[in-house]
Amino acid sequence: MSSDKHIPTLAQHQQHYYRALAARDNRFDGVFFTGVKTTGIYCRPICGVKTPRETSCIFFTTAAAAEAAGFRPCLRCRPELAPYAIQQNLAHAIWKKIANGALNESSIETLAQQVGLSSRQMRRVLLQEFGVSPVEMAQTQRLLFAKKLLQETALSMADIAFAAGFGSVRRFNALFSERYHMTPGEVRRATPSADESLTLRLAYRPPYEWDALMHYLRGRAMPGLETVIVEKSGMAYVRSVSMDGKSGWLKVSHLPEKNQICLQVAPELTPVLMPLLAKIRQQFDLEAHPQTIHSHLQEDPMLASQIQKTPGLRVPGAFDSFELAIRAVLGQQVSVAGATTVAGRLVQRFGVAVTTPFAAVTHHFPTPLLLTQLSIDQVASIGIPGARAATLQNVAQFALDGGFEKAADRGLEQAITQMKQIRGVGEWTAQYIAMRALRFSDAFPAGDLGLQKAAAQASEPAEIRCSEKQLLERSALWSPWRAYAALLLWQSLK
C-alpha cells in the first residue's frame, strides 16, 4: 500500500504534461504530443501557438497514437521534427525500428522475428504501450516523413512517395488526404533551386556542445572517407555514403538558433533517405536528454566541473557499425593519430573511388565482403601486424553474419559477450563499439588509459594512477549514463 501512493495517476501525468506544455519545456520535446480537441491538431510541447486550456488537451506519447485518435499534425511546430524519446524497453525499441522504416521493406512477421516475438505478441506489446498497431504506427511515420520532404525539399511527388515507403503515389495521395484533410500539394513549401542537393533539418534537445563533437570526429575521421571542414557558419562534417546500391555524399552542419542540425544530401540518395536519417540521428546523438543526464552525473564532483565547461556534450556515434568496429581495432594499442593514418590507407587502398563536392572525400569504405576475400598479407600491407589484419577479417565476417545488428538488439552485457567472441576483440574494443556504434548509454571502456588518467587527475586528492578496477567501481555511480561520463573525462584532458 505504501508503494502505490508513489505511482503517478493518469490525472497527475496530465498535470505534469500540461505544466511542461505551458512552459514550452524543450526537455519534453518528443516525449509527448498534445492533441487539442477544439482544433483537431496535435503539437509538440514547444509549439509557439497560444497555450490551449487544459480541458482541451489530450496527451499522447507518440505521434502515431495522436493520429490514431483522429488528430492532424501541426503545420507550425511540425511533429516530424521532434527528437525521439529514448525509453529503454521493448515497446520503444520496436517503435524506433518502425520509425526508421523497418516495415518499408520487411513484413511484420520478419520484424517480429528480429525482436524475438511472434507477430501477435509484437502487436500486443505496441497496443499496450501506445494504443496503436504496427501498421498504424508505420503509416504515421511514412506520412510524417513525406510531410517533412514536402516542406523541406522540391522532390517530385513520386520520389517523395517512394522515399517515405509507400508502394504507389496513388496510395500516398489517398492516405495523406484521408489523415490530414488536405492534399500533399497544399502542404508543399519548398521550391526548386539551382542546387540539386537535398537539405533536411533534424531537431535536438538543447544544449548541444557542437564544437566539442566536431573536434572529436575530426581527430578520428578516416582520410578519404570523411572529414570536418570549417565554414563561415562553423564546423561541418562531410562524408561519402554507399547504401543499398546507392552512392553519394552528405554534409552535416549546425543551426544553434533553431536547436537543429542541417543535413545536406546528394540527390542520388533520395531512395534511402529514411534509413539514412536514422543513421544521422544515431551518429549525432540527437535523442539525448542533456538535463536528465547532467542531473545524474553532476552528483559526482569529478564530473560536475566538466559538465559546467561543456554542457550538452554528446557521445559521438557512428554512421556505420562495421566502419566504427574496424576503426576501433586499428586503434588498439596505438595513438589516435596513428590509427587515423592507418585507417586512411585502408580506405584508399581497398575502398571504391567516388566523386563528391569535397576534395578530401574520395572513397567509400571497403565492404565486409571485400575484406574477407583479401589475404592476410594484403590487409597487413597497410602497415599493421598480421594478427591485427586477421582481426579485421574476423570483424568483417562478424558483420557479414549480421552480428552487429543482433548485438544491438540485445542488452549491453549480451552484446559485449557476443563481440568478444570475435578473435582479437577484447573488453576495451567491445565496450568502445557498444558505446559509439551500438549506442549503449552505459557502455564504458574502463581499460582505456586516457580515462584512467583523467579520473586520477580529477579525483581529490589527485592520484598518480587510477586502476581499471578502481575506475569500474567509481563508474557504477554514473550508471546508466557511463558513456557520457567517459566523454566528459576524455574532454577534461584537453
Protein backbone atom coordinates (compact mmCIF):
# COMPACT_ATOMS: atom_id res chain seq x y z
CA MET A 1 0.00 0.00 0.00
CA SER A 2 2.82 2.40 0.80
CA SER A 3 4.39 1.92 -2.64
CA ASP A 4 1.12 2.55 -4.53
CA LYS A 5 0.91 6.18 -3.47
CA HIS A 6 4.13 6.89 -5.38
CA ILE A 7 2.72 5.66 -8.69
CA PRO A 8 1.59 8.67 -10.76
CA THR A 9 -2.07 8.60 -11.71
CA LEU A 10 -3.35 9.43 -15.20
CA ALA A 11 -4.54 12.78 -13.87
CA GLN A 12 -1.09 13.53 -12.45
CA HIS A 13 0.52 12.70 -15.79
CA GLN A 14 -1.94 15.11 -17.43
CA GLN A 15 -0.94 17.82 -14.95
CA HIS A 16 2.80 17.22 -15.46
CA TYR A 17 2.47 17.33 -19.24
CA TYR A 18 0.29 20.43 -19.16
CA ARG A 19 2.82 22.27 -17.00
CA ALA A 20 5.57 21.31 -19.45
CA LEU A 21 3.37 22.48 -22.32
CA ALA A 22 2.61 25.81 -20.65
CA ALA A 23 6.33 26.35 -20.05
CA ARG A 24 7.25 25.17 -23.58
CA ASP A 25 9.85 22.99 -21.86
CA ASN A 26 12.13 21.60 -24.57
CA ARG A 27 13.19 18.74 -22.29
CA PHE A 28 9.85 17.15 -23.15
CA ASP A 29 10.15 17.62 -26.91
CA GLY A 30 9.45 14.20 -28.42
CA VAL A 31 8.45 12.75 -25.05
CA PHE A 32 4.78 13.61 -25.58
CA PHE A 33 2.47 15.29 -28.08
CA THR A 34 -0.60 17.41 -27.29
CA GLY A 35 -3.88 16.85 -29.11
CA VAL A 36 -6.10 19.93 -28.97
CA LYS A 37 -9.76 18.91 -29.05
CA THR A 38 -11.01 22.30 -30.25
CA THR A 39 -8.82 22.29 -33.40
CA GLY A 40 -8.25 18.59 -34.10
CA ILE A 41 -4.49 19.26 -34.33
CA TYR A 42 -1.61 17.76 -32.33
CA CYS A 43 1.57 19.67 -31.46
CA ARG A 44 4.98 19.36 -29.87
CA PRO A 45 5.28 20.81 -26.33
CA ILE A 46 7.48 23.60 -27.71
CA CYS A 47 4.89 24.84 -30.22
CA GLY A 48 4.69 28.64 -30.35
CA VAL A 49 0.91 28.88 -30.63
CA LYS A 50 -1.20 30.17 -27.75
CA THR A 51 -1.36 27.56 -24.99
CA PRO A 52 -4.78 25.87 -25.06
CA ARG A 53 -6.85 25.29 -21.96
CA GLU A 54 -6.00 22.15 -20.03
CA THR A 55 -9.51 20.80 -20.55
CA SER A 56 -8.95 21.00 -24.32
CA CYS A 57 -5.77 18.89 -24.21
CA ILE A 58 -5.21 15.17 -24.64
CA PHE A 59 -1.63 13.91 -24.31
CA PHE A 60 -0.02 11.14 -26.33
CA THR A 61 3.42 9.53 -26.09
CA THR A 62 3.75 9.06 -29.87
CA ALA A 63 2.59 10.83 -33.00
CA ALA A 64 1.04 7.55 -34.13
CA ALA A 65 -1.23 7.47 -31.08
CA ALA A 66 -2.31 11.07 -31.72
CA GLU A 67 -3.14 10.32 -35.35
CA ALA A 68 -4.95 7.11 -34.43
CA ALA A 69 -7.17 9.29 -32.22
CA GLY A 70 -8.02 11.47 -35.22
CA PHE A 71 -5.65 14.43 -34.74
CA ARG A 72 -3.69 16.05 -37.60
CA PRO A 73 -0.05 17.26 -37.26
CA CYS A 74 0.55 20.94 -36.64
CA LEU A 75 1.98 22.78 -39.65
CA ARG A 76 3.77 25.26 -37.40
CA CYS A 77 5.75 23.15 -34.89
CA ARG A 78 5.91 20.12 -37.25
CA PRO A 79 5.85 16.97 -35.09
CA GLU A 80 8.05 15.15 -37.62
CA LEU A 81 10.98 17.32 -36.48
CA ALA A 82 10.77 16.24 -32.84
CA PRO A 83 13.64 14.20 -31.34
CA TYR A 84 12.75 10.64 -30.48
CA ALA A 85 12.07 9.53 -26.91
CA ILE A 86 14.74 7.15 -25.60
CA GLN A 87 12.96 4.97 -23.07
CA GLN A 88 14.71 1.66 -22.73
CA ASN A 89 12.05 -1.00 -23.15
CA LEU A 90 10.89 -3.46 -25.77
CA ALA A 91 7.95 -1.39 -26.98
CA HIS A 92 10.13 1.66 -27.64
CA ALA A 93 12.78 -0.50 -29.32
CA ILE A 94 10.14 -1.81 -31.73
CA TRP A 95 8.71 1.67 -32.23
CA LYS A 96 12.13 3.05 -33.10
CA LYS A 97 12.70 0.34 -35.70
CA ILE A 98 9.34 1.11 -37.29
CA ALA A 99 10.02 4.86 -37.12
CA ASN A 100 13.25 4.26 -39.02
CA GLY A 101 11.46 2.41 -41.83
CA ALA A 102 11.73 -1.23 -40.75
CA LEU A 103 8.34 -2.07 -42.29
CA ASN A 104 9.01 -0.29 -45.58
CA GLU A 105 10.90 -3.26 -46.97
CA SER A 106 10.15 -6.05 -44.48
CA SER A 107 6.96 -7.69 -43.28
CA ILE A 108 5.53 -7.56 -39.77
CA GLU A 109 6.48 -11.23 -39.36
CA THR A 110 10.12 -10.50 -40.27
CA LEU A 111 10.34 -7.60 -37.83
CA ALA A 112 8.75 -9.70 -35.09
CA GLN A 113 11.38 -12.41 -35.63
CA GLN A 114 14.13 -9.82 -35.38
CA VAL A 115 12.93 -8.73 -31.93
CA GLY A 116 12.27 -12.29 -30.76
CA LEU A 117 8.46 -12.17 -30.74
CA SER A 118 5.60 -13.54 -32.74
CA SER A 119 3.68 -11.01 -34.84
CA ARG A 120 0.74 -11.40 -32.46
CA GLN A 121 2.93 -10.69 -29.42
CA MET A 122 4.51 -7.66 -31.10
CA ARG A 123 1.08 -6.27 -31.91
CA ARG A 124 0.00 -6.73 -28.30
CA VAL A 125 3.13 -5.00 -26.97
CA LEU A 126 2.54 -1.93 -29.14
CA LEU A 127 -1.16 -1.78 -28.36
CA GLN A 128 -0.49 -1.95 -24.63
CA GLU A 129 2.22 0.74 -24.70
CA PHE A 130 0.96 3.11 -27.40
CA GLY A 131 -2.58 2.08 -28.29
CA VAL A 132 -1.74 1.54 -31.98
CA SER A 133 -0.91 -1.43 -34.18
CA PRO A 134 2.39 -1.86 -36.11
CA VAL A 135 0.61 -0.96 -39.37
CA GLU A 136 -0.88 2.23 -37.91
CA MET A 137 2.50 3.21 -36.48
CA ALA A 138 4.26 2.61 -39.81
CA GLN A 139 1.63 4.60 -41.70
CA THR A 140 2.06 7.57 -39.36
CA GLN A 141 5.84 7.56 -39.75
CA ARG A 142 5.56 7.35 -43.54
CA LEU A 143 3.13 10.24 -43.63
CA LEU A 144 5.22 12.40 -41.31
CA PHE A 145 8.35 11.66 -43.31
CA ALA A 146 6.55 12.50 -46.55
CA LYS A 147 5.29 15.73 -44.96
CA LYS A 148 8.87 16.57 -43.99
CA LEU A 149 10.05 16.08 -47.59
CA LEU A 150 7.14 18.13 -48.92
CA GLN A 151 8.05 21.05 -46.67
CA GLU A 152 11.83 20.90 -46.96
CA THR A 153 12.61 19.61 -50.49
CA ALA A 154 11.48 20.11 -54.07
CA LEU A 155 11.35 16.38 -54.81
CA SER A 156 8.64 15.12 -57.13
CA MET A 157 5.54 13.51 -55.60
CA ALA A 158 6.68 10.13 -56.90
CA ASP A 159 10.13 10.46 -55.31
CA ILE A 160 8.57 11.55 -52.02
CA ALA A 161 6.07 8.69 -52.00
CA PHE A 162 8.68 6.01 -52.62
CA ALA A 163 11.30 7.57 -50.30
CA ALA A 164 8.69 7.53 -47.50
CA GLY A 165 7.98 3.84 -48.07
CA PHE A 166 4.68 3.97 -49.99
CA GLY A 167 4.14 1.36 -52.66
CA SER A 168 2.49 3.82 -55.04
CA VAL A 169 1.79 7.53 -55.48
CA ARG A 170 -1.92 6.76 -55.54
CA ARG A 171 -1.79 5.12 -52.11
CA PHE A 172 0.30 8.02 -50.77
CA ASN A 173 -2.17 10.65 -52.02
CA ALA A 174 -5.20 8.76 -50.71
CA LEU A 175 -3.82 8.16 -47.20
CA PHE A 176 -2.42 11.69 -46.92
CA SER A 177 -5.80 13.23 -47.83
CA GLU A 178 -7.67 10.84 -45.54
CA ARG A 179 -5.50 11.56 -42.50
CA TYR A 180 -4.66 15.24 -42.94
CA HIS A 181 -7.76 16.50 -44.78
CA MET A 182 -5.58 18.25 -47.36
CA THR A 183 -3.64 17.18 -50.43
CA PRO A 184 0.15 16.80 -50.48
CA GLY A 185 0.30 19.79 -52.83
CA GLU A 186 -1.36 22.03 -50.24
CA VAL A 187 1.39 21.21 -47.72
CA ARG A 188 4.27 21.80 -50.11
CA ARG A 189 6.53 24.71 -49.17
CA ALA A 190 9.91 24.16 -50.82
CA THR A 191 10.53 25.42 -54.35
CA PRO A 192 13.14 24.15 -56.84
CA SER A 193 16.60 25.70 -56.58
CA ALA A 194 19.78 25.65 -58.63
CA ASP A 195 21.39 23.40 -56.02
CA GLU A 196 20.32 19.82 -56.73
CA SER A 197 21.23 18.54 -53.27
CA LEU A 198 18.53 17.93 -50.66
CA THR A 199 18.53 19.87 -47.40
CA LEU A 200 16.72 18.50 -44.36
CA ARG A 201 16.58 19.53 -40.71
CA LEU A 202 16.62 17.42 -37.55
CA ALA A 203 15.89 18.74 -34.07
CA TYR A 204 17.64 18.01 -30.77
CA ARG A 205 17.10 18.89 -27.12
CA PRO A 206 19.50 21.70 -26.11
CA PRO A 207 22.15 22.33 -25.06
CA TYR A 208 24.38 20.76 -27.70
CA GLU A 209 28.18 21.06 -27.49
CA TRP A 210 28.69 21.03 -31.26
CA ASP A 211 32.31 22.20 -31.39
CA ALA A 212 33.45 19.50 -28.95
CA LEU A 213 31.74 16.85 -31.08
CA MET A 214 33.31 18.19 -34.26
CA HIS A 215 36.79 18.22 -32.71
CA TYR A 216 36.31 14.62 -31.58
CA LEU A 217 35.18 13.46 -35.03
CA ARG A 218 37.89 15.45 -36.80
CA GLY A 219 40.62 13.75 -34.84
CA ARG A 220 39.26 10.31 -35.74
CA ALA A 221 37.99 10.93 -39.28
CA MET A 222 39.28 8.35 -41.76
CA PRO A 223 41.05 10.20 -44.61
CA GLY A 224 39.30 9.75 -47.93
CA LEU A 225 36.02 8.69 -46.32
CA GLU A 226 35.12 11.61 -44.05
CA THR A 227 36.38 14.93 -42.77
CA VAL A 228 35.40 18.00 -40.78
CA ILE A 229 35.50 21.28 -42.70
CA VAL A 230 35.47 24.84 -41.38
CA GLU A 231 33.00 27.30 -42.90
CA LYS A 232 31.91 30.84 -42.01
CA SER A 233 28.98 29.43 -40.05
CA GLY A 234 31.17 26.96 -38.15
CA MET A 235 32.41 23.41 -38.47
CA ALA A 236 30.61 20.81 -40.57
CA TYR A 237 31.01 17.06 -41.06
CA VAL A 238 31.12 15.57 -44.57
CA ARG A 239 31.49 12.01 -45.82
CA SER A 240 30.74 9.62 -48.66
CA VAL A 241 27.72 7.33 -48.45
CA SER A 242 27.04 3.94 -50.00
CA MET A 243 23.70 2.38 -49.02
CA ASP A 244 21.64 -0.34 -50.69
CA GLY A 245 23.36 0.18 -54.03
CA LYS A 246 23.04 3.99 -53.90
CA SER A 247 26.16 6.15 -53.88
CA GLY A 248 26.53 9.76 -52.79
CA TRP A 249 27.66 12.09 -50.03
CA LEU A 250 26.31 14.09 -47.12
CA LYS A 251 27.15 17.17 -45.10
CA VAL A 252 26.01 17.92 -41.54
CA SER A 253 26.15 21.44 -40.10
CA HIS A 254 24.70 23.18 -37.05
CA LEU A 255 21.75 25.55 -36.68
CA PRO A 256 22.13 26.55 -33.00
CA GLU A 257 19.50 29.29 -33.15
CA LYS A 258 16.89 26.66 -34.10
CA ASN A 259 18.21 23.78 -31.95
CA GLN A 260 18.59 21.76 -35.14
CA ILE A 261 21.23 20.24 -37.34
CA CYS A 262 21.12 20.75 -41.10
CA LEU A 263 21.66 17.73 -43.33
CA GLN A 264 22.63 18.23 -46.97
CA VAL A 265 22.40 15.06 -49.09
CA ALA A 266 23.28 14.12 -52.66
CA PRO A 267 20.09 13.64 -54.73
CA GLU A 268 21.20 10.13 -55.68
CA LEU A 269 20.47 9.09 -52.09
CA THR A 270 16.76 10.00 -52.26
CA PRO A 271 15.57 6.35 -52.26
CA VAL A 272 17.36 5.66 -48.97
CA LEU A 273 16.56 8.91 -47.14
CA MET A 274 14.55 7.34 -44.31
CA PRO A 275 17.24 4.86 -43.14
CA LEU A 276 19.93 7.47 -43.84
CA LEU A 277 18.29 9.95 -41.46
CA ALA A 278 18.10 7.22 -38.83
CA LYS A 279 21.87 6.80 -39.12
CA ILE A 280 22.40 10.55 -38.73
CA ARG A 281 20.19 10.67 -35.65
CA GLN A 282 22.36 7.94 -34.16
CA GLN A 283 25.71 9.37 -35.20
CA PHE A 284 24.96 12.80 -33.79
CA ASP A 285 23.15 11.55 -30.68
CA LEU A 286 20.04 13.62 -31.36
CA GLU A 287 17.82 11.73 -28.93
CA ALA A 288 19.86 12.55 -25.82
CA HIS A 289 18.22 14.29 -22.83
CA PRO A 290 21.09 16.54 -21.62
CA GLN A 291 19.33 17.80 -18.49
CA THR A 292 18.40 14.29 -17.38
CA ILE A 293 21.93 13.02 -17.97
CA HIS A 294 23.60 16.02 -16.34
CA SER A 295 21.38 16.00 -13.27
CA HIS A 296 22.57 12.48 -12.53
CA LEU A 297 26.26 12.79 -13.41
CA GLN A 298 26.86 16.13 -11.70
CA GLU A 299 26.23 14.50 -8.35
CA ASP A 300 29.83 13.30 -8.67
CA PRO A 301 32.25 16.23 -8.15
CA MET A 302 34.66 14.53 -10.55
CA LEU A 303 32.27 15.18 -13.42
CA ALA A 304 30.40 18.28 -12.23
CA SER A 305 33.06 20.81 -13.18
CA GLN A 306 33.44 19.39 -16.69
CA ILE A 307 29.67 19.46 -17.21
CA GLN A 308 29.74 23.20 -16.48
CA LYS A 309 32.53 23.66 -19.05
CA THR A 310 30.91 21.58 -21.80
CA PRO A 311 27.13 21.43 -21.25
CA GLY A 312 25.33 19.35 -23.85
CA LEU A 313 28.27 17.07 -24.57
CA ARG A 314 27.15 14.20 -26.82
CA VAL A 315 28.53 10.71 -27.32
CA PRO A 316 29.78 10.73 -30.93
CA GLY A 317 28.10 7.85 -32.71
CA ALA A 318 28.95 6.11 -35.96
CA PHE A 319 27.30 6.24 -39.36
CA ASP A 320 28.05 2.55 -39.80
CA SER A 321 28.76 -0.05 -37.10
CA PHE A 322 31.20 -2.01 -39.27
CA GLU A 323 33.26 1.09 -40.07
CA LEU A 324 33.50 2.00 -36.41
CA ALA A 325 34.42 -1.54 -35.40
CA ILE A 326 37.27 -1.59 -37.92
CA ARG A 327 38.44 1.82 -36.71
CA ALA A 328 38.34 0.55 -33.11
CA VAL A 329 40.51 -2.46 -33.94
CA LEU A 330 43.01 -0.24 -35.75
CA GLY A 331 43.13 1.89 -32.60
CA GLN A 332 44.19 -0.97 -30.35
CA GLN A 333 47.45 -0.10 -28.55
CA VAL A 334 48.30 2.81 -30.86
CA SER A 335 47.73 6.56 -30.73
CA VAL A 336 44.62 8.20 -32.16
CA ALA A 337 46.74 9.88 -34.86
CA GLY A 338 48.42 6.58 -35.76
CA ALA A 339 45.11 4.75 -36.05
CA THR A 340 43.69 7.55 -38.22
CA THR A 341 46.64 7.32 -40.61
CA VAL A 342 46.32 3.55 -40.99
CA ALA A 343 42.55 3.79 -41.41
CA GLY A 344 43.10 6.23 -44.27
CA ARG A 345 45.38 3.74 -46.00
CA LEU A 346 42.70 1.05 -45.66
CA VAL A 347 40.05 3.31 -47.19
CA GLN A 348 42.16 4.50 -50.11
CA ARG A 349 43.69 1.11 -50.90
CA PHE A 350 40.58 -1.05 -50.71
CA GLY A 351 37.67 1.41 -50.90
CA VAL A 352 35.75 2.31 -54.05
CA ALA A 353 36.58 5.71 -55.58
CA VAL A 354 33.71 8.25 -55.61
CA THR A 355 33.26 11.80 -56.85
CA THR A 356 31.97 14.35 -54.32
CA PRO A 357 32.00 18.16 -54.00
CA PHE A 358 34.62 17.80 -51.26
CA ALA A 359 38.27 17.33 -52.23
CA ALA A 360 39.03 15.34 -49.07
CA VAL A 361 36.17 12.84 -49.61
CA THR A 362 37.23 10.47 -52.38
CA HIS A 363 36.27 6.91 -51.45
CA HIS A 364 33.62 4.67 -49.94
CA PHE A 365 34.63 2.40 -47.08
CA PRO A 366 35.61 -1.14 -48.17
CA THR A 367 32.81 -3.66 -47.75
CA PRO A 368 32.92 -6.55 -45.26
CA LEU A 369 32.79 -9.00 -48.16
CA LEU A 370 35.86 -7.46 -49.80
CA LEU A 371 37.91 -7.60 -46.60
CA THR A 372 37.09 -11.29 -46.08
CA GLN A 373 38.22 -12.07 -49.62
CA LEU A 374 41.65 -10.45 -49.23
CA SER A 375 44.68 -12.34 -47.98
CA ILE A 376 46.16 -11.58 -44.57
CA ASP A 377 49.25 -10.15 -46.27
CA GLN A 378 47.13 -7.82 -48.41
CA VAL A 379 45.34 -6.42 -45.37
CA ALA A 380 48.58 -6.17 -43.40
CA SER A 381 50.16 -4.15 -46.22
CA ILE A 382 48.51 -1.00 -44.85
CA GLY A 383 51.08 -1.15 -42.05
CA ILE A 384 49.64 -3.39 -39.35
CA PRO A 385 50.74 -6.71 -37.83
CA GLY A 386 49.37 -9.92 -39.33
CA ALA A 387 47.42 -10.68 -36.16
CA ARG A 388 45.59 -7.37 -36.38
CA ALA A 389 44.91 -7.92 -40.07
CA ALA A 390 43.32 -11.25 -39.13
CA THR A 391 41.17 -9.48 -36.54
CA LEU A 392 39.93 -7.06 -39.22
CA GLN A 393 38.84 -10.02 -41.30
CA ASN A 394 37.17 -11.63 -38.28
CA VAL A 395 35.24 -8.40 -37.69
CA ALA A 396 34.26 -8.33 -41.37
CA GLN A 397 32.89 -11.87 -41.15
CA PHE A 398 31.00 -10.97 -37.98
CA ALA A 399 29.39 -8.07 -39.88
CA LEU A 400 28.51 -10.29 -42.83
CA ASP A 401 26.77 -12.67 -40.44
CA GLY A 402 24.63 -9.81 -39.10
CA GLY A 403 26.48 -9.77 -35.79
CA PHE A 404 26.27 -6.03 -35.19
CA GLU A 405 22.52 -5.94 -35.84
CA LYS A 406 21.98 -8.85 -33.47
CA ALA A 407 24.19 -7.30 -30.79
CA ALA A 408 22.29 -4.02 -30.99
CA ASP A 409 19.03 -5.88 -30.26
CA ARG A 410 20.40 -7.38 -27.05
CA GLY A 411 21.31 -5.95 -23.67
CA LEU A 412 24.74 -4.43 -23.07
CA GLU A 413 26.24 -7.47 -21.34
CA GLN A 414 24.98 -9.81 -24.06
CA ALA A 415 26.29 -7.52 -26.79
CA ILE A 416 29.74 -7.32 -25.15
CA THR A 417 29.87 -11.09 -24.71
CA GLN A 418 28.90 -11.62 -28.33
CA MET A 419 31.52 -9.21 -29.70
CA LYS A 420 34.27 -10.64 -27.50
CA GLN A 421 33.74 -13.95 -29.29
CA ILE A 422 35.40 -12.31 -32.29
CA ARG A 423 39.01 -13.43 -32.16
CA GLY A 424 41.18 -10.38 -31.47
CA VAL A 425 38.40 -8.29 -29.88
CA GLY A 426 38.74 -7.75 -26.15
CA GLU A 427 36.85 -5.86 -23.48
CA TRP A 428 38.07 -2.37 -24.43
CA THR A 429 37.25 -2.78 -28.12
CA ALA A 430 33.84 -4.30 -27.42
CA GLN A 431 32.91 -1.54 -24.95
CA TYR A 432 34.05 1.16 -27.38
CA ILE A 433 31.97 -0.33 -30.21
CA ALA A 434 28.99 -0.70 -27.87
CA MET A 435 29.33 2.93 -26.82
CA ARG A 436 29.74 4.59 -30.21
CA ALA A 437 28.27 2.21 -32.79
CA LEU A 438 25.56 0.32 -30.92
CA ARG A 439 24.54 3.32 -28.77
CA PHE A 440 24.52 1.69 -25.35
CA SER A 441 24.45 4.65 -22.97
CA ASP A 442 26.02 2.60 -20.17
CA ALA A 443 28.95 1.21 -22.16
CA PHE A 444 32.24 2.15 -20.54
CA PRO A 445 35.77 1.14 -21.70
CA ALA A 446 37.33 1.23 -18.25
CA GLY A 447 40.58 -0.20 -19.61
CA ASP A 448 41.22 2.99 -21.57
CA LEU A 449 44.41 4.66 -20.36
CA GLY A 450 43.03 8.12 -21.12
CA LEU A 451 40.01 7.53 -18.90
CA GLN A 452 42.21 6.20 -16.11
CA LYS A 453 44.49 9.24 -16.40
CA ALA A 454 41.56 11.70 -16.43
CA ALA A 455 39.92 10.03 -13.43
CA ALA A 456 43.18 10.15 -11.49
CA GLN A 457 43.70 13.85 -12.22
CA ALA A 458 40.11 14.76 -11.37
CA SER A 459 39.95 12.87 -8.09
CA GLU A 460 40.52 14.65 -4.79
CA PRO A 461 43.23 14.39 -3.81
CA ALA A 462 44.70 13.82 -7.27
CA GLU A 463 46.15 10.36 -7.79
CA ILE A 464 49.14 9.25 -9.77
CA ARG A 465 47.20 6.45 -11.39
CA CYS A 466 43.67 5.08 -11.33
CA SER A 467 43.45 1.34 -11.97
CA GLU A 468 40.81 -0.24 -14.19
CA LYS A 469 39.23 -1.87 -11.13
CA GLN A 470 39.06 1.44 -9.25
CA LEU A 471 37.55 3.19 -12.28
CA LEU A 472 34.92 0.47 -12.71
CA GLU A 473 33.93 0.78 -9.07
CA ARG A 474 33.66 4.57 -9.35
CA SER A 475 31.72 4.34 -12.62
CA ALA A 476 28.96 2.30 -11.02
CA LEU A 477 27.66 5.59 -9.59
CA TRP A 478 27.36 7.01 -13.11
CA SER A 479 25.13 4.25 -14.48
CA PRO A 480 23.12 4.26 -16.75
CA TRP A 481 24.98 7.19 -18.37
CA ARG A 482 28.55 5.93 -18.15
CA ALA A 483 29.19 6.56 -21.87
CA TYR A 484 28.57 10.27 -21.28
CA ALA A 485 30.83 10.16 -18.24
CA ALA A 486 33.56 8.72 -20.46
CA LEU A 487 33.22 11.64 -22.89
CA LEU A 488 33.38 14.13 -20.02
CA LEU A 489 36.56 12.52 -18.71
CA TRP A 490 38.20 12.48 -22.16
CA GLN A 491 37.21 16.12 -22.63
CA SER A 492 38.83 17.04 -19.33
CA LEU A 493 42.24 16.02 -20.72
CA LYS A 494 42.18 18.82 -23.33
